[in-house]
Amino acid sequence: MIEGIVSDVILSDIVKERIRQNELKSAGRFKYTCADIEMTDADCLPVLVEEVGELSRALLESGKLANEKSFDLHGKDMRKELVQVAAIAVAWIERIDNRDKNS
């Protein structure tokens, strides 16, 4: 862990989500993840934006955009969606690194 920056739990949750994405791909739920070389940056952006949209929906449903200061049941949804956003970004970075390594 990088002290005060990110916890092992957060990083572990992101890794678990990346594993889940790969399992969904293996199960035929979708053809590629953003880590796959077949995906372009233009392909990855809508995937990331879709996840950000789900985060937005969780935020709206929680009332946070109405200036409420307390956490409620949807706080867990926001965290889950943020982990998914981070995992998509990590997958995209994996693809970029693999592409650059193979160039």
C-alpha atoms as a PDB file:
ATOM      1  CA  MET A   1       0.000   0.000   0.000  1.00  0.00           C
ATOM      2  CA  ILE A   2       1.117   3.543  -0.696  1.00  0.00           C
ATOM      3  CA  GLU A   3       0.562   5.219   2.659  1.00  0.00           C
ATOM      4  CA  GLY A   4      -2.366   7.610   2.553  1.00  0.00           C
ATOM      5  CA  ILE A   5      -2.860   7.201  -1.197  1.00  0.00           C
ATOM      6  CA  VAL A   6      -4.667   3.937  -1.844  1.00  0.00           C
ATOM      7  CA  SER A   7      -5.534   0.951   0.279  1.00  0.00           C
ATOM      8  CA  ASP A   8      -4.861  -2.701  -0.450  1.00  0.00           C
ATOM      9  CA  VAL A   9      -8.612  -3.313  -0.205  1.00  0.00           C
ATOM     10  CA  ILE A  10      -9.342  -0.846  -2.995  1.00  0.00           C
ATOM     11  CA  LEU A  11      -6.656  -2.277  -5.252  1.00  0.00           C
ATOM     12  CA  SER A  12      -7.846  -5.808  -4.492  1.00  0.00           C
ATOM     13  CA  ASP A  13     -11.415  -4.864  -5.414  1.00  0.00           C
ATOM     14  CA  ILE A  14     -10.218  -3.428  -8.726  1.00  0.00           C
ATOM     15  CA  VAL A  15      -8.246  -6.617  -9.476  1.00  0.00           C
ATOM     16  CA  LYS A  16     -11.300  -8.744  -8.597  1.00  0.00           C
ATOM     17  CA  GLU A  17     -13.388  -6.657 -10.978  1.00  0.00           C
ATOM     18  CA  ARG A  18     -10.827  -7.155 -13.776  1.00  0.00           C
ATOM     19  CA  ILE A  19     -10.998 -10.904 -13.139  1.00  0.00           C
ATOM     20  CA  ARG A  20     -14.815 -10.721 -13.236  1.00  0.00           C
ATOM     21  CA  GLN A  21     -14.652  -8.876 -16.571  1.00  0.00           C
ATOM     22  CA  ASN A  22     -12.447 -11.599 -18.033  1.00  0.00           C
ATOM     23  CA  GLU A  23     -14.796 -14.285 -16.705  1.00  0.00           C
ATOM     24  CA  LEU A  24     -17.781 -12.534 -18.317  1.00  0.00           C
ATOM     25  CA  LYS A  25     -15.882 -12.424 -21.605  1.00  0.00           C
ATOM     26  CA  SER A  26     -15.050 -16.140 -21.296  1.00  0.00           C
ATOM     27  CA  ALA A  27     -18.727 -16.856 -20.630  1.00  0.00           C
ATOM     28  CA  GLY A  28     -19.633 -15.080 -23.866  1.00  0.00           C
ATOM     29  CA  ARG A  29     -21.255 -12.058 -22.245  1.00  0.00           C
ATOM     30  CA  PHE A  30     -19.149  -9.810 -24.479  1.00  0.00           C
ATOM     31  CA  LYS A  31     -16.512 -10.357 -27.136  1.00  0.00           C
ATOM     32  CA  TYR A  32     -13.699  -8.188 -25.780  1.00  0.00           C
ATOM     33  CA  THR A  33     -12.586  -6.270 -22.734  1.00  0.00           C
ATOM     34  CA  CYS A  34     -10.705  -2.996 -22.954  1.00  0.00           C
ATOM     35  CA  ALA A  35      -7.535  -5.012 -22.275  1.00  0.00           C
ATOM     36  CA  ASP A  36      -7.824  -6.831 -25.609  1.00  0.00           C
ATOM     37  CA  ILE A  37      -5.599  -5.623 -28.428  1.00  0.00           C
ATOM     38  CA  GLU A  38      -8.590  -5.838 -30.797  1.00  0.00           C
ATOM     39  CA  MET A  39     -10.127  -2.855 -29.014  1.00  0.00           C
ATOM     40  CA  THR A  40      -9.139   0.640 -30.102  1.00  0.00           C
ATOM     41  CA  ASP A  41      -9.094   3.730 -27.942  1.00  0.00           C
ATOM     42  CA  ALA A  42     -12.293   4.753 -29.728  1.00  0.00           C
ATOM     43  CA  ASP A  43     -13.830   1.387 -28.730  1.00  0.00           C
ATOM     44  CA  CYS A  44     -12.746   1.706 -25.090  1.00  0.00           C
ATOM     45  CA  LEU A  45     -14.054   5.200 -24.463  1.00  0.00           C
ATOM     46  CA  PRO A  46     -17.774   4.322 -24.773  1.00  0.00           C
ATOM     47  CA  VAL A  47     -17.232   1.364 -22.424  1.00  0.00           C
ATOM     48  CA  LEU A  48     -15.684   3.666 -19.834  1.00  0.00           C
ATOM     49  CA  VAL A  49     -18.349   6.335 -20.355  1.00  0.00           C
ATOM     50  CA  GLU A  50     -21.107   3.733 -19.927  1.00  0.00           C
ATOM     51  CA  GLU A  51     -19.652   2.826 -16.536  1.00  0.00           C
ATOM     52  CA  VAL A  52     -19.423   6.510 -15.606  1.00  0.00           C
ATOM     53  CA  GLY A  53     -23.094   6.784 -16.612  1.00  0.00           C
ATOM     54  CA  GLU A  54     -23.964   3.986 -14.186  1.00  0.00           C
ATOM     55  CA  LEU A  55     -22.054   5.844 -11.485  1.00  0.00           C
ATOM     56  CA  SER A  56     -24.036   8.953 -12.349  1.00  0.00           C
ATOM     57  CA  ARG A  57     -27.295   7.032 -12.023  1.00  0.00           C
ATOM     58  CA  ALA A  58     -26.252   5.695  -8.611  1.00  0.00           C
ATOM     59  CA  LEU A  59     -25.397   9.245  -7.550  1.00  0.00           C
ATOM     60  CA  LEU A  60     -28.755  10.568  -8.721  1.00  0.00           C
ATOM     61  CA  GLU A  61     -30.622   7.748  -6.987  1.00  0.00           C
ATOM     62  CA  SER A  62     -28.752   8.430  -3.762  1.00  0.00           C
ATOM     63  CA  GLY A  63     -29.884  12.057  -3.675  1.00  0.00           C
ATOM     64  CA  LYS A  64     -26.280  13.284  -3.568  1.00  0.00           C
ATOM     65  CA  LEU A  65     -26.918  15.689  -6.418  1.00  0.00           C
ATOM     66  CA  ALA A  66     -29.667  17.254  -4.324  1.00  0.00           C
ATOM     67  CA  ASN A  67     -27.048  18.390  -1.790  1.00  0.00           C
ATOM     68  CA  GLU A  68     -27.821  15.719   0.771  1.00  0.00           C
ATOM     69  CA  LYS A  69     -24.845  15.249   3.057  1.00  0.00           C
ATOM     70  CA  SER A  70     -25.580  11.808   4.504  1.00  0.00           C
ATOM     71  CA  PHE A  71     -24.750   8.424   3.018  1.00  0.00           C
ATOM     72  CA  ASP A  72     -27.538   5.998   2.336  1.00  0.00           C
ATOM     73  CA  LEU A  73     -28.008   2.530   0.879  1.00  0.00           C
ATOM     74  CA  HIS A  74     -26.905   3.655  -2.565  1.00  0.00           C
ATOM     75  CA  GLY A  75     -23.444   4.541  -1.267  1.00  0.00           C
ATOM     76  CA  LYS A  76     -22.511   0.911  -1.871  1.00  0.00           C
ATOM     77  CA  ASP A  77     -23.725   1.203  -5.469  1.00  0.00           C
ATOM     78  CA  MET A  78     -21.526   4.260  -5.980  1.00  0.00           C
ATOM     79  CA  ARG A  79     -18.485   2.433  -4.643  1.00  0.00           C
ATOM     80  CA  LYS A  80     -19.229  -0.604  -6.815  1.00  0.00           C
ATOM     81  CA  GLU A  81     -19.583   1.597  -9.887  1.00  0.00           C
ATOM     82  CA  LEU A  82     -16.361   3.469  -9.075  1.00  0.00           C
ATOM     83  CA  VAL A  83     -14.508   0.151  -8.812  1.00  0.00           C
ATOM     84  CA  GLN A  84     -15.911  -0.801 -12.225  1.00  0.00           C
ATOM     85  CA  VAL A  85     -14.822   2.554 -13.695  1.00  0.00           C
ATOM     86  CA  ALA A  86     -11.332   2.005 -12.282  1.00  0.00           C
ATOM     87  CA  ALA A  87     -11.190  -1.569 -13.600  1.00  0.00           C
ATOM     88  CA  ILE A  88     -12.179  -0.440 -17.107  1.00  0.00           C
ATOM     89  CA  ALA A  89      -9.465   2.223 -16.970  1.00  0.00           C
ATOM     90  CA  VAL A  90      -6.933  -0.391 -15.798  1.00  0.00           C
ATOM     91  CA  ALA A  91      -7.939  -2.711 -18.651  1.00  0.00           C
ATOM     92  CA  TRP A  92      -7.493   0.123 -21.128  1.00  0.00           C
ATOM     93  CA  ILE A  93      -4.028   0.847 -19.697  1.00  0.00           C
ATOM     94  CA  GLU A  94      -3.184  -2.885 -19.980  1.00  0.00           C
ATOM     95  CA  ARG A  95      -4.077  -2.801 -23.681  1.00  0.00           C
ATOM     96  CA  ILE A  96      -2.005   0.334 -24.289  1.00  0.00           C
ATOM     97  CA  ASP A  97       0.985  -1.182 -22.480  1.00  0.00           C
ATOM     98  CA  ASN A  98       0.657  -4.459 -24.421  1.00  0.00           C
ATOM     99  CA  ARG A  99       0.309  -2.585 -27.711  1.00  0.00           C
ATOM    100  CA  ASP A 100       3.375  -0.476 -26.992  1.00  0.00           C
ATOM    101  CA  LYS A 101       5.347  -3.557 -25.876  1.00  0.00           C
ATOM    102  CA  ASN A 102       4.515  -5.290 -29.160  1.00  0.00           C
ATOM    103  CA  SER A 103       5.365  -2.288 -31.346  1.00  0.00           C
END
